[in-house]
Amino acid sequence: MKNTGIIRHIDELGRITLPIELRRSLNISEKDPVQVYVEDDKIILTKVEAKDIFDGSTEDLITYRGKKVSRRSIMELVKLADLSVTE
């Protein structure tokens, strides 16, 4: 684990601010979802990437009923259901 030398204080609401340099280097933007993990005595933040619910791919995603699905998975499901698609 790399030590950045950055120290932040927790405010009265339990929040911390991630420095802009860190957000830029990790490509974290305002409103991006971040997952919180606890490992032993460490708190680990991980940027949540949108992924296909079937195969985990991150390309060409469509939101359907709140879930991310890739066009490739949709086409595979169409074939599995023995349907045809007209575009």
N, C-alpha and C. Protein backbone atom coordinates (compact mmCIF):
# COMPACT_ATOMS: atom_id res chain seq x y z
N MET A 1 0.85 -1.17 0.00
CA MET A 1 0.00 0.00 0.00
C MET A 1 0.89 1.23 0.00
N LYS A 2 0.58 2.17 -0.88
CA LYS A 2 1.41 3.37 -1.05
C LYS A 2 0.98 4.46 -0.07
N ASN A 3 1.93 5.02 0.67
CA ASN A 3 1.66 6.12 1.59
C ASN A 3 1.74 7.43 0.82
N THR A 4 0.64 8.20 0.83
CA THR A 4 0.62 9.47 0.10
C THR A 4 1.11 10.62 0.97
N GLY A 5 1.15 10.42 2.28
CA GLY A 5 1.55 11.49 3.19
C GLY A 5 0.42 12.49 3.45
N ILE A 6 -0.75 12.23 2.92
CA ILE A 6 -1.90 13.12 3.08
C ILE A 6 -2.66 12.74 4.35
N ILE A 7 -2.95 13.72 5.17
CA ILE A 7 -3.75 13.50 6.37
C ILE A 7 -4.97 14.40 6.29
N ARG A 8 -6.13 13.82 6.57
CA ARG A 8 -7.39 14.57 6.59
C ARG A 8 -8.08 14.32 7.92
N HIS A 9 -8.83 15.31 8.39
CA HIS A 9 -9.59 15.17 9.62
C HIS A 9 -11.05 14.87 9.29
N ILE A 10 -11.68 14.08 10.12
CA ILE A 10 -13.10 13.77 9.97
C ILE A 10 -13.90 14.91 10.57
N ASP A 11 -14.91 15.40 9.83
CA ASP A 11 -15.72 16.52 10.35
C ASP A 11 -16.79 16.00 11.31
N GLU A 12 -17.62 16.91 11.81
CA GLU A 12 -18.63 16.55 12.82
C GLU A 12 -19.70 15.61 12.28
N LEU A 13 -19.82 15.49 10.96
CA LEU A 13 -20.77 14.56 10.36
C LEU A 13 -20.11 13.25 9.93
N GLY A 14 -18.85 13.07 10.25
CA GLY A 14 -18.14 11.83 9.92
C GLY A 14 -17.58 11.79 8.52
N ARG A 15 -17.48 12.94 7.86
CA ARG A 15 -17.01 13.00 6.48
C ARG A 15 -15.53 13.37 6.41
N ILE A 16 -14.92 12.94 5.30
CA ILE A 16 -13.57 13.39 4.97
C ILE A 16 -13.59 13.88 3.53
N THR A 17 -12.65 14.71 3.17
CA THR A 17 -12.53 15.19 1.79
C THR A 17 -11.31 14.54 1.15
N LEU A 18 -11.52 13.92 0.01
CA LEU A 18 -10.39 13.36 -0.72
C LEU A 18 -9.74 14.48 -1.52
N PRO A 19 -8.44 14.64 -1.41
CA PRO A 19 -7.75 15.72 -2.13
C PRO A 19 -7.94 15.60 -3.64
N ILE A 20 -8.01 16.74 -4.30
CA ILE A 20 -8.24 16.79 -5.75
C ILE A 20 -7.17 16.01 -6.51
N GLU A 21 -5.93 16.06 -6.06
CA GLU A 21 -4.85 15.32 -6.74
C GLU A 21 -5.13 13.82 -6.73
N LEU A 22 -5.63 13.34 -5.61
CA LEU A 22 -5.94 11.91 -5.47
C LEU A 22 -7.14 11.55 -6.34
N ARG A 23 -8.18 12.39 -6.33
CA ARG A 23 -9.36 12.14 -7.17
C ARG A 23 -9.00 12.16 -8.64
N ARG A 24 -8.16 13.08 -9.04
CA ARG A 24 -7.74 13.13 -10.45
C ARG A 24 -6.95 11.90 -10.85
N SER A 25 -6.01 11.51 -10.01
CA SER A 25 -5.16 10.37 -10.36
C SER A 25 -5.95 9.06 -10.40
N LEU A 26 -7.05 8.98 -9.64
CA LEU A 26 -7.88 7.77 -9.62
C LEU A 26 -9.14 7.91 -10.46
N ASN A 27 -9.24 9.05 -11.18
CA ASN A 27 -10.40 9.32 -12.04
C ASN A 27 -11.72 9.22 -11.28
N ILE A 28 -11.77 9.85 -10.11
CA ILE A 28 -12.98 9.91 -9.30
C ILE A 28 -13.57 11.30 -9.42
N SER A 29 -14.80 11.37 -9.88
CA SER A 29 -15.48 12.65 -10.08
C SER A 29 -16.58 12.83 -9.04
N GLU A 30 -17.08 14.06 -8.96
CA GLU A 30 -18.19 14.35 -8.07
C GLU A 30 -19.36 13.43 -8.40
N LYS A 31 -19.98 12.89 -7.37
CA LYS A 31 -21.15 11.99 -7.47
C LYS A 31 -20.80 10.56 -7.89
N ASP A 32 -19.52 10.25 -8.14
CA ASP A 32 -19.15 8.87 -8.45
C ASP A 32 -19.40 7.99 -7.22
N PRO A 33 -19.95 6.80 -7.42
CA PRO A 33 -20.13 5.90 -6.27
C PRO A 33 -18.80 5.31 -5.83
N VAL A 34 -18.62 5.21 -4.52
CA VAL A 34 -17.41 4.64 -3.94
C VAL A 34 -17.85 3.62 -2.89
N GLN A 35 -17.30 2.42 -2.96
CA GLN A 35 -17.64 1.37 -2.00
C GLN A 35 -16.64 1.39 -0.86
N VAL A 36 -17.13 1.14 0.35
CA VAL A 36 -16.30 1.17 1.55
C VAL A 36 -16.12 -0.27 2.05
N TYR A 37 -14.86 -0.66 2.22
CA TYR A 37 -14.51 -1.96 2.77
C TYR A 37 -13.74 -1.76 4.07
N VAL A 38 -13.81 -2.75 4.94
CA VAL A 38 -12.99 -2.75 6.15
C VAL A 38 -12.16 -4.02 6.12
N GLU A 39 -10.85 -3.86 6.29
CA GLU A 39 -9.93 -4.99 6.31
C GLU A 39 -9.02 -4.81 7.51
N ASP A 40 -9.17 -5.67 8.51
CA ASP A 40 -8.45 -5.53 9.78
C ASP A 40 -8.74 -4.13 10.34
N ASP A 41 -7.72 -3.30 10.47
CA ASP A 41 -7.93 -1.95 11.02
C ASP A 41 -7.86 -0.88 9.92
N LYS A 42 -8.10 -1.29 8.67
CA LYS A 42 -8.01 -0.35 7.55
C LYS A 42 -9.39 -0.12 6.94
N ILE A 43 -9.63 1.11 6.48
CA ILE A 43 -10.81 1.46 5.71
C ILE A 43 -10.34 1.62 4.27
N ILE A 44 -10.97 0.89 3.36
CA ILE A 44 -10.56 0.90 1.96
C ILE A 44 -11.72 1.43 1.12
N LEU A 45 -11.44 2.45 0.31
CA LEU A 45 -12.43 3.01 -0.60
C LEU A 45 -12.11 2.55 -2.01
N THR A 46 -13.14 2.09 -2.74
CA THR A 46 -12.96 1.63 -4.10
C THR A 46 -14.00 2.26 -4.98
N LYS A 47 -13.56 2.85 -6.10
CA LYS A 47 -14.51 3.43 -7.04
C LYS A 47 -15.32 2.30 -7.66
N VAL A 48 -16.63 2.48 -7.69
CA VAL A 48 -17.52 1.48 -8.26
C VAL A 48 -17.67 1.76 -9.75
N GLU A 49 -17.34 0.78 -10.55
CA GLU A 49 -17.47 0.89 -12.01
C GLU A 49 -18.74 0.19 -12.44
N ALA A 50 -19.47 0.79 -13.36
CA ALA A 50 -20.66 0.14 -13.91
C ALA A 50 -20.23 -1.10 -14.68
N LYS A 51 -20.90 -2.24 -14.40
CA LYS A 51 -20.55 -3.50 -15.05
C LYS A 51 -21.82 -4.25 -15.45
N ASP A 52 -21.70 -5.00 -16.51
CA ASP A 52 -22.77 -5.89 -16.97
C ASP A 52 -23.07 -6.89 -15.85
N ILE A 53 -24.35 -7.07 -15.53
CA ILE A 53 -24.72 -7.98 -14.44
C ILE A 53 -24.46 -9.44 -14.78
N PHE A 54 -24.28 -9.74 -16.07
CA PHE A 54 -24.07 -11.13 -16.47
C PHE A 54 -22.59 -11.50 -16.58
N ASP A 55 -21.80 -10.66 -17.26
CA ASP A 55 -20.41 -11.07 -17.50
C ASP A 55 -19.38 -10.07 -16.96
N GLY A 56 -19.83 -8.99 -16.34
CA GLY A 56 -18.89 -8.04 -15.73
C GLY A 56 -18.22 -7.08 -16.69
N SER A 57 -18.60 -7.12 -17.96
CA SER A 57 -17.97 -6.21 -18.92
C SER A 57 -18.40 -4.77 -18.63
N THR A 58 -17.58 -3.83 -19.08
CA THR A 58 -17.83 -2.41 -18.79
C THR A 58 -18.10 -1.61 -20.06
N GLU A 59 -18.22 -2.27 -21.20
CA GLU A 59 -18.40 -1.57 -22.47
C GLU A 59 -19.82 -1.69 -22.99
N ASP A 60 -20.30 -0.61 -23.63
CA ASP A 60 -21.58 -0.60 -24.34
C ASP A 60 -22.74 -1.01 -23.44
N LEU A 61 -22.85 -0.35 -22.27
CA LEU A 61 -23.86 -0.72 -21.28
C LEU A 61 -25.17 0.04 -21.48
N ILE A 62 -26.26 -0.63 -21.16
CA ILE A 62 -27.59 -0.07 -21.16
C ILE A 62 -28.17 -0.31 -19.77
N THR A 63 -28.92 0.67 -19.26
CA THR A 63 -29.58 0.48 -17.97
C THR A 63 -30.98 -0.06 -18.21
N TYR A 64 -31.28 -1.19 -17.59
CA TYR A 64 -32.61 -1.79 -17.69
C TYR A 64 -33.09 -2.13 -16.29
N ARG A 65 -34.17 -1.48 -15.89
CA ARG A 65 -34.75 -1.68 -14.56
C ARG A 65 -33.72 -1.53 -13.46
N GLY A 66 -32.87 -0.52 -13.62
CA GLY A 66 -31.87 -0.20 -12.61
C GLY A 66 -30.61 -1.05 -12.66
N LYS A 67 -30.52 -1.95 -13.60
CA LYS A 67 -29.34 -2.82 -13.74
C LYS A 67 -28.62 -2.50 -15.04
N LYS A 68 -27.31 -2.71 -15.06
CA LYS A 68 -26.50 -2.49 -16.26
C LYS A 68 -26.37 -3.81 -17.02
N VAL A 69 -26.64 -3.72 -18.33
CA VAL A 69 -26.54 -4.90 -19.21
C VAL A 69 -25.85 -4.46 -20.49
N SER A 70 -24.89 -5.23 -20.95
CA SER A 70 -24.21 -4.88 -22.21
C SER A 70 -25.06 -5.31 -23.39
N ARG A 71 -24.85 -4.62 -24.50
CA ARG A 71 -25.56 -4.99 -25.73
C ARG A 71 -25.23 -6.43 -26.13
N ARG A 72 -23.98 -6.84 -25.90
CA ARG A 72 -23.58 -8.21 -26.24
C ARG A 72 -24.40 -9.23 -25.44
N SER A 73 -24.60 -8.98 -24.14
CA SER A 73 -25.40 -9.90 -23.33
C SER A 73 -26.85 -9.92 -23.79
N ILE A 74 -27.36 -8.75 -24.16
CA ILE A 74 -28.74 -8.68 -24.65
C ILE A 74 -28.88 -9.54 -25.90
N MET A 75 -27.94 -9.43 -26.83
CA MET A 75 -28.00 -10.22 -28.06
C MET A 75 -27.88 -11.72 -27.75
N GLU A 76 -27.06 -12.09 -26.79
CA GLU A 76 -26.94 -13.50 -26.41
C GLU A 76 -28.26 -14.01 -25.82
N LEU A 77 -28.93 -13.17 -25.03
CA LEU A 77 -30.22 -13.55 -24.46
C LEU A 77 -31.29 -13.69 -25.56
N VAL A 78 -31.24 -12.81 -26.55
CA VAL A 78 -32.17 -12.90 -27.68
C VAL A 78 -31.98 -14.23 -28.40
N LYS A 79 -30.72 -14.62 -28.64
CA LYS A 79 -30.44 -15.89 -29.31
C LYS A 79 -30.89 -17.06 -28.45
N LEU A 80 -30.62 -16.98 -27.14
CA LEU A 80 -31.01 -18.05 -26.22
C LEU A 80 -32.52 -18.24 -26.21
N ALA A 81 -33.26 -17.14 -26.32
CA ALA A 81 -34.72 -17.21 -26.33
C ALA A 81 -35.27 -17.55 -27.72
N ASP A 82 -34.37 -17.74 -28.66
CA ASP A 82 -34.73 -18.07 -30.04
C ASP A 82 -35.63 -17.01 -30.65
N LEU A 83 -35.26 -15.73 -30.45
CA LEU A 83 -35.98 -14.60 -31.00
C LEU A 83 -35.12 -13.92 -32.04
N SER A 84 -35.70 -13.02 -32.78
CA SER A 84 -34.92 -12.26 -33.75
C SER A 84 -35.11 -10.77 -33.44
N VAL A 85 -34.12 -9.98 -33.86
CA VAL A 85 -34.14 -8.55 -33.61
C VAL A 85 -34.05 -7.82 -34.94
N THR A 86 -34.89 -6.81 -35.10
CA THR A 86 -34.78 -5.96 -36.27
C THR A 86 -34.36 -4.58 -35.81
N GLU A 87 -33.33 -4.07 -36.40
CA GLU A 87 -32.79 -2.77 -35.98
C GLU A 87 -33.12 -1.71 -36.99
